[in-house]
Amino acid sequence: MEEIVSWLLEDDNPSVKCFTKKEILCEELSTREANALNREILKSEPVKSILELQNSQGWWYEDNFTFHPLYKNTFWQLYFLSQLGINNRIKTVDKAAHLIIKHMQNDKGSFPSVGRYWGNLACMQGITLEMFLRLGYADEDFIKKAIGFITDFVYRTDYRCKYRQNFRCPWGTIKILKALNLVPQDKRDEEVLSAANRAIKFLLSHNIVEAKYPRKKPRSSQWFLFGFPRGYQSDILELTSALVDAGCSKTVSNLKAALKYISAKRQKDGTWKMEFTLNGRMLVDIEKKNKPSKWVTFFALKTLLKSGYIKT
């Protein structure tokens, strides 16, 4: 265990180093240490390369503000940066974020999709809220509107998706639960708690490892492949991590089985591999497929430790 944690704390990936200190070692970083780590993250790959590709007007790839093309445009660069530990204290990031808010959020608070897959999709609403909360906008009015839309959306649809033959969608449910887990405690009203509880109940009520969620089409092989970062799709690790972050108990049989599955994927050297990647589809690649992954190892180890499935 100590060797793996030491590996995660190496200087070559300051983002993972920072998250490991905070979420595995549960360290309270001093202002000085936090600022030093933030500077390291800014200078690191892939953060540095993503930021260098930003247009002087604030956008990436094309002057267009939608979810498409997937993984290349402004929305997705902000999402990836938020996953890597970047926040809105970076002026160019804040500039891009406000372009997204201005051009994508409607009066009801949602961020609707346009194009082939159109409308208010649970997965994209969750991803968007998670992104803005990670970037540091929790106190902004537009976030209050976004949360209000999502909780009403969950109440009305119960996580059902028209592109899933109106069955409840586990991928969309996971994305929204991940976002709601980040809502500050003082902003978690009854509607937020209800939406989170609906997500938890649905995700735990089916066999996670076998992906026994209602469907008409065959289950996706993506479910069994651990990767970072994720797009609109999901996997067992992301689902389990979201449930553990929400405070679910390892004694629940379906969650316990998922934790066992994650643990069994650990390699002999104590790491987990990057089995799924968006490399080649993003503007800047992150880690390498089928190689030991600091990102996947961080999430797997954090989830197993936080759940109490393994001990330090």
Protein backbone atom coordinates (compact mmCIF):
# COMPACT_ATOMS: atom_id res chain seq x y z
CA MET A 1 0.00 0.00 0.00
CA GLU A 2 2.74 2.49 0.96
CA GLU A 3 4.58 1.86 -2.32
CA ILE A 4 1.46 2.60 -4.37
CA VAL A 5 0.64 5.76 -2.44
CA SER A 6 4.25 6.89 -2.87
CA TRP A 7 3.89 6.26 -6.61
CA LEU A 8 0.74 8.41 -6.70
CA LEU A 9 2.61 11.18 -4.85
CA GLU A 10 5.41 11.42 -7.41
CA ASP A 11 5.95 14.81 -9.02
CA ASP A 12 5.25 13.71 -12.61
CA ASN A 13 1.48 13.98 -12.09
CA PRO A 14 0.80 16.85 -9.66
CA SER A 15 -2.98 16.56 -10.20
CA VAL A 16 -3.02 12.98 -8.88
CA LYS A 17 -0.51 14.00 -6.21
CA CYS A 18 -2.87 16.73 -4.99
CA PHE A 19 -5.97 14.53 -4.99
CA THR A 20 -4.09 11.72 -3.24
CA LYS A 21 -3.05 14.05 -0.44
CA LYS A 22 -6.59 15.35 -0.02
CA GLU A 23 -8.73 12.26 -0.61
CA ILE A 24 -6.58 9.24 0.27
CA LEU A 25 -4.27 10.64 2.95
CA CYS A 26 -6.97 13.14 4.07
CA GLU A 27 -4.39 15.87 4.57
CA GLU A 28 -5.44 19.46 5.18
CA LEU A 29 -3.14 21.39 2.90
CA SER A 30 -1.80 24.72 4.07
CA THR A 31 -2.39 27.70 1.80
CA ARG A 32 1.27 27.68 0.88
CA GLU A 33 1.29 23.97 -0.03
CA ALA A 34 -2.00 24.22 -1.95
CA ASN A 35 -0.71 27.18 -3.97
CA ALA A 36 2.53 25.35 -4.74
CA LEU A 37 0.61 22.30 -5.96
CA ASN A 38 -1.68 24.48 -8.08
CA ARG A 39 1.36 26.01 -9.75
CA GLU A 40 2.74 22.53 -10.43
CA ILE A 41 -0.58 21.45 -11.96
CA LEU A 42 -0.61 24.49 -14.27
CA LYS A 43 2.84 23.61 -15.60
CA SER A 44 2.11 19.90 -15.99
CA GLU A 45 0.97 17.85 -18.95
CA PRO A 46 -1.71 17.67 -20.21
CA VAL A 47 -2.92 20.87 -18.50
CA LYS A 48 -0.24 23.05 -20.07
CA SER A 49 -0.93 21.77 -23.58
CA ILE A 50 -4.70 22.19 -23.28
CA LEU A 51 -4.36 25.78 -22.08
CA GLU A 52 -1.89 26.62 -24.86
CA LEU A 53 -4.46 25.56 -27.47
CA GLN A 54 -7.06 28.07 -26.27
CA ASN A 55 -7.96 30.83 -28.70
CA SER A 56 -7.34 34.43 -27.56
CA GLN A 57 -11.12 34.98 -27.60
CA GLY A 58 -11.55 32.20 -25.03
CA TRP A 59 -12.62 29.17 -27.06
CA TRP A 60 -11.03 25.93 -28.23
CA TYR A 61 -11.18 24.17 -31.62
CA GLU A 62 -14.03 26.23 -33.09
CA ASP A 63 -16.11 29.27 -32.22
CA ASN A 64 -19.10 27.12 -31.28
CA PHE A 65 -20.67 26.37 -27.91
CA THR A 66 -22.37 22.98 -27.77
CA PHE A 67 -21.53 19.48 -26.55
CA HIS A 68 -20.49 18.57 -30.11
CA PRO A 69 -18.06 17.75 -31.55
CA LEU A 70 -17.46 15.40 -28.64
CA TYR A 71 -14.24 15.88 -26.66
CA LYS A 72 -12.70 18.58 -28.87
CA ASN A 73 -14.48 21.88 -28.32
CA THR A 74 -14.57 24.46 -25.55
CA PHE A 75 -17.04 22.63 -23.32
CA TRP A 76 -14.95 19.49 -23.21
CA GLN A 77 -11.64 21.26 -22.63
CA LEU A 78 -13.19 22.95 -19.60
CA TYR A 79 -14.52 19.60 -18.41
CA PHE A 80 -11.12 17.92 -18.76
CA LEU A 81 -9.39 20.82 -17.02
CA SER A 82 -11.87 20.61 -14.14
CA GLN A 83 -11.09 16.89 -13.80
CA LEU A 84 -7.38 17.68 -13.71
CA GLY A 85 -7.77 20.08 -10.78
CA ILE A 86 -7.96 23.43 -12.56
CA ASN A 87 -10.41 26.06 -11.30
CA ASN A 88 -11.82 29.45 -12.26
CA ARG A 89 -8.99 31.38 -10.65
CA ILE A 90 -7.29 31.01 -14.03
CA LYS A 91 -8.60 34.01 -15.98
CA THR A 92 -8.70 32.28 -19.35
CA VAL A 93 -10.64 29.37 -17.83
CA ASP A 94 -13.13 31.77 -16.27
CA LYS A 95 -13.50 33.53 -19.62
CA ALA A 96 -14.29 30.26 -21.40
CA ALA A 97 -16.70 29.21 -18.66
CA HIS A 98 -18.73 32.37 -19.10
CA LEU A 99 -18.87 31.78 -22.85
CA ILE A 100 -20.42 28.37 -22.13
CA ILE A 101 -22.89 29.85 -19.64
CA LYS A 102 -23.89 32.63 -22.02
CA HIS A 103 -24.35 30.45 -25.09
CA MET A 104 -25.55 27.14 -23.67
CA GLN A 105 -27.68 27.68 -20.55
CA ASN A 106 -31.35 28.47 -21.17
CA ASP A 107 -33.77 30.45 -19.01
CA LYS A 108 -34.88 27.31 -17.13
CA GLY A 109 -31.33 26.60 -16.02
CA SER A 110 -30.61 23.59 -18.23
CA PHE A 111 -27.82 23.08 -20.74
CA PRO A 112 -29.69 21.36 -23.60
CA SER A 113 -28.00 19.32 -26.29
CA VAL A 114 -28.46 20.12 -29.97
CA GLY A 115 -27.77 18.05 -33.06
CA ARG A 116 -28.18 14.32 -33.43
CA TYR A 117 -28.89 13.79 -29.74
CA TRP A 118 -31.02 16.72 -28.71
CA GLY A 119 -32.83 17.92 -25.61
CA ASN A 120 -32.10 17.72 -21.92
CA LEU A 121 -30.04 14.58 -21.46
CA ALA A 122 -29.39 13.40 -17.90
CA CYS A 123 -25.76 12.51 -18.63
CA MET A 124 -24.91 15.94 -20.03
CA GLN A 125 -26.79 17.86 -17.33
CA GLY A 126 -24.80 15.94 -14.71
CA ILE A 127 -21.47 16.38 -16.46
CA THR A 128 -22.08 20.13 -16.83
CA LEU A 129 -23.03 20.65 -13.19
CA GLU A 130 -20.05 18.60 -12.01
CA MET A 131 -17.73 20.63 -14.22
CA PHE A 132 -18.90 24.02 -12.95
CA LEU A 133 -18.85 22.91 -9.31
CA ARG A 134 -15.27 21.64 -9.71
CA LEU A 135 -14.30 24.91 -11.39
CA GLY A 136 -15.48 26.82 -8.32
CA TYR A 137 -18.86 28.33 -9.23
CA ALA A 138 -20.94 26.84 -6.39
CA ASP A 139 -22.11 30.25 -5.13
CA GLU A 140 -23.20 31.63 -8.51
CA ASP A 141 -26.84 32.18 -9.43
CA PHE A 142 -26.53 30.17 -12.65
CA ILE A 143 -25.54 27.13 -10.56
CA LYS A 144 -28.61 27.55 -8.38
CA LYS A 145 -30.72 27.56 -11.56
CA ALA A 146 -28.89 24.49 -12.91
CA ILE A 147 -29.42 22.55 -9.68
CA GLY A 148 -33.06 23.60 -9.63
CA PHE A 149 -33.54 22.36 -13.18
CA ILE A 150 -31.83 19.03 -12.49
CA THR A 151 -33.80 18.27 -9.33
CA ASP A 152 -37.07 19.08 -11.13
CA PHE A 153 -35.90 17.05 -14.15
CA VAL A 154 -35.20 14.03 -11.92
CA TYR A 155 -38.61 14.41 -10.23
CA ARG A 156 -40.37 14.49 -13.61
CA THR A 157 -38.38 11.81 -15.46
CA ASP A 158 -36.89 9.60 -12.71
CA TYR A 159 -33.68 9.36 -14.76
CA ARG A 160 -35.44 8.03 -17.88
CA CYS A 161 -33.87 8.70 -21.27
CA LYS A 162 -35.60 8.81 -24.65
CA TYR A 163 -32.45 7.41 -26.26
CA ARG A 164 -32.72 4.38 -24.00
CA GLN A 165 -36.28 3.52 -25.00
CA ASN A 166 -37.46 5.58 -22.01
CA PHE A 167 -35.83 3.22 -19.51
CA ARG A 168 -33.97 4.75 -16.60
CA CYS A 169 -30.37 5.34 -17.66
CA PRO A 170 -27.57 4.24 -15.31
CA TRP A 171 -24.99 6.39 -17.13
CA GLY A 172 -27.07 9.53 -16.75
CA THR A 173 -27.90 8.65 -13.14
CA ILE A 174 -24.20 8.25 -12.30
CA LYS A 175 -23.31 11.62 -13.84
CA ILE A 176 -26.00 13.44 -11.88
CA LEU A 177 -25.12 11.67 -8.62
CA LYS A 178 -21.45 12.61 -9.08
CA ALA A 179 -22.49 16.24 -9.50
CA LEU A 180 -24.89 16.23 -6.54
CA ASN A 181 -22.13 14.77 -4.36
CA LEU A 182 -20.23 18.03 -4.96
CA VAL A 183 -23.06 20.36 -3.95
CA PRO A 184 -21.95 22.12 -0.73
CA GLN A 185 -23.72 20.93 2.41
CA ASP A 186 -25.41 24.28 3.02
CA LYS A 187 -27.00 24.11 -0.45
CA ARG A 188 -28.37 20.56 -0.18
CA ASP A 189 -32.07 21.18 0.21
CA GLU A 190 -34.81 18.54 0.20
CA GLU A 191 -34.93 18.50 -3.61
CA VAL A 192 -31.19 17.81 -3.90
CA LEU A 193 -31.36 15.06 -1.27
CA SER A 194 -34.40 13.53 -2.98
CA ALA A 195 -32.68 13.48 -6.39
CA ALA A 196 -29.57 11.90 -4.87
CA ASN A 197 -31.61 9.29 -2.99
CA ARG A 198 -33.50 8.37 -6.16
CA ALA A 199 -30.17 7.87 -7.92
CA ILE A 200 -28.77 5.73 -5.12
CA LYS A 201 -31.88 3.59 -4.87
CA PHE A 202 -31.92 2.92 -8.62
CA LEU A 203 -28.20 2.19 -8.93
CA LEU A 204 -28.17 -0.17 -5.94
CA SER A 205 -31.36 -2.01 -6.87
CA HIS A 206 -29.70 -3.88 -9.75
CA ASN A 207 -26.64 -6.09 -10.08
CA ILE A 208 -23.84 -3.58 -10.69
CA VAL A 209 -21.19 -6.03 -11.83
CA GLU A 210 -23.48 -7.63 -14.40
CA ALA A 211 -25.05 -4.30 -15.41
CA LYS A 212 -28.53 -5.73 -14.90
CA TYR A 213 -30.23 -2.41 -15.55
CA PRO A 214 -33.40 -2.42 -17.70
CA ARG A 215 -32.60 -2.23 -21.42
CA LYS A 216 -33.62 -3.43 -24.84
CA LYS A 217 -30.21 -3.23 -26.47
CA PRO A 218 -27.19 -5.36 -25.45
CA ARG A 219 -25.11 -4.01 -22.57
CA SER A 220 -22.04 -2.01 -23.51
CA SER A 221 -18.56 -3.49 -23.08
CA GLN A 222 -17.60 -0.02 -21.78
CA TRP A 223 -19.11 -1.01 -18.45
CA PHE A 224 -16.21 -3.30 -17.62
CA LEU A 225 -13.36 -1.07 -18.80
CA PHE A 226 -11.86 1.39 -16.32
CA GLY A 227 -10.69 4.68 -17.75
CA PHE A 228 -10.06 8.39 -17.24
CA PRO A 229 -11.40 10.81 -18.21
CA ARG A 230 -14.86 9.56 -19.01
CA GLY A 231 -17.31 11.21 -21.39
CA TYR A 232 -21.04 10.51 -21.36
CA GLN A 233 -20.37 6.79 -20.91
CA SER A 234 -19.54 5.16 -17.59
CA ASP A 235 -18.12 2.04 -15.95
CA ILE A 236 -18.29 0.02 -12.76
CA LEU A 237 -15.53 2.04 -11.11
CA GLU A 238 -17.17 5.42 -11.74
CA LEU A 239 -20.53 4.14 -10.50
CA THR A 240 -19.06 2.56 -7.37
CA SER A 241 -16.99 5.64 -6.60
CA ALA A 242 -20.10 7.84 -6.86
CA LEU A 243 -22.06 5.58 -4.51
CA VAL A 244 -19.23 5.47 -1.96
CA ASP A 245 -18.84 9.27 -2.14
CA ALA A 246 -22.58 9.49 -1.47
CA GLY A 247 -22.06 7.55 1.77
CA CYS A 248 -23.43 4.14 0.74
CA SER A 249 -22.45 1.22 2.93
CA LYS A 250 -20.17 -1.59 1.74
CA THR A 251 -22.59 -4.03 3.41
CA VAL A 252 -25.14 -3.55 0.61
CA SER A 253 -24.72 -6.71 -1.47
CA ASN A 254 -24.60 -5.12 -4.91
CA LEU A 255 -22.09 -2.50 -3.77
CA LYS A 256 -19.97 -5.09 -1.98
CA ALA A 257 -19.82 -7.18 -5.15
CA ALA A 258 -18.73 -4.12 -7.15
CA LEU A 259 -15.98 -3.34 -4.64
CA LYS A 260 -14.80 -6.93 -4.90
CA TYR A 261 -14.74 -6.63 -8.70
CA ILE A 262 -12.65 -3.44 -8.51
CA SER A 263 -10.23 -5.04 -6.06
CA ALA A 264 -9.83 -8.11 -8.28
CA LYS A 265 -8.73 -5.92 -11.20
CA ARG A 266 -5.67 -4.80 -9.30
CA GLN A 267 -2.44 -5.94 -10.93
CA LYS A 268 0.37 -7.79 -9.17
CA ASP A 269 2.33 -4.56 -8.78
CA GLY A 270 -0.62 -2.97 -6.94
CA THR A 271 -1.73 -0.67 -9.76
CA TRP A 272 -4.77 -0.60 -12.03
CA LYS A 273 -4.54 -0.31 -15.83
CA MET A 274 -6.05 2.27 -18.15
CA GLU A 275 -8.42 -0.02 -20.05
CA PHE A 276 -10.49 2.66 -21.77
CA THR A 277 -9.25 5.94 -23.20
CA LEU A 278 -10.49 8.92 -25.18
CA ASN A 279 -6.98 9.40 -26.55
CA GLY A 280 -7.06 10.30 -30.23
CA ARG A 281 -10.51 11.82 -29.78
CA MET A 282 -9.38 14.60 -27.43
CA LEU A 283 -7.17 17.54 -28.38
CA VAL A 284 -4.56 16.36 -25.85
CA ASP A 285 -4.06 12.76 -24.77
CA ILE A 286 -4.02 11.66 -21.11
CA GLU A 287 -1.87 8.68 -20.06
CA LYS A 288 -1.64 5.52 -22.20
CA LYS A 289 -4.06 2.67 -22.79
CA ASN A 290 -3.25 -0.73 -21.29
CA LYS A 291 -0.54 0.76 -19.09
CA PRO A 292 -0.56 1.30 -15.31
CA SER A 293 -2.65 4.41 -14.72
CA LYS A 294 -2.18 6.83 -11.85
CA TRP A 295 -5.67 8.19 -12.45
CA VAL A 296 -7.44 4.84 -12.44
CA THR A 297 -5.31 3.65 -9.51
CA PHE A 298 -6.19 6.78 -7.54
CA PHE A 299 -9.95 6.34 -8.04
CA ALA A 300 -9.88 2.60 -7.37
CA LEU A 301 -7.74 2.92 -4.24
CA LYS A 302 -9.72 5.88 -2.90
CA THR A 303 -13.00 4.03 -3.41
CA LEU A 304 -11.80 0.84 -1.73
CA LEU A 305 -10.33 2.73 1.22
CA LYS A 306 -13.21 5.16 1.69
CA SER A 307 -15.73 2.33 1.64
CA GLY A 308 -13.76 0.40 4.22
CA TYR A 309 -13.43 -2.55 1.85
CA ILE A 310 -9.66 -2.46 2.43
CA LYS A 311 -7.65 -0.88 5.23
CA THR A 312 -4.53 1.24 5.11
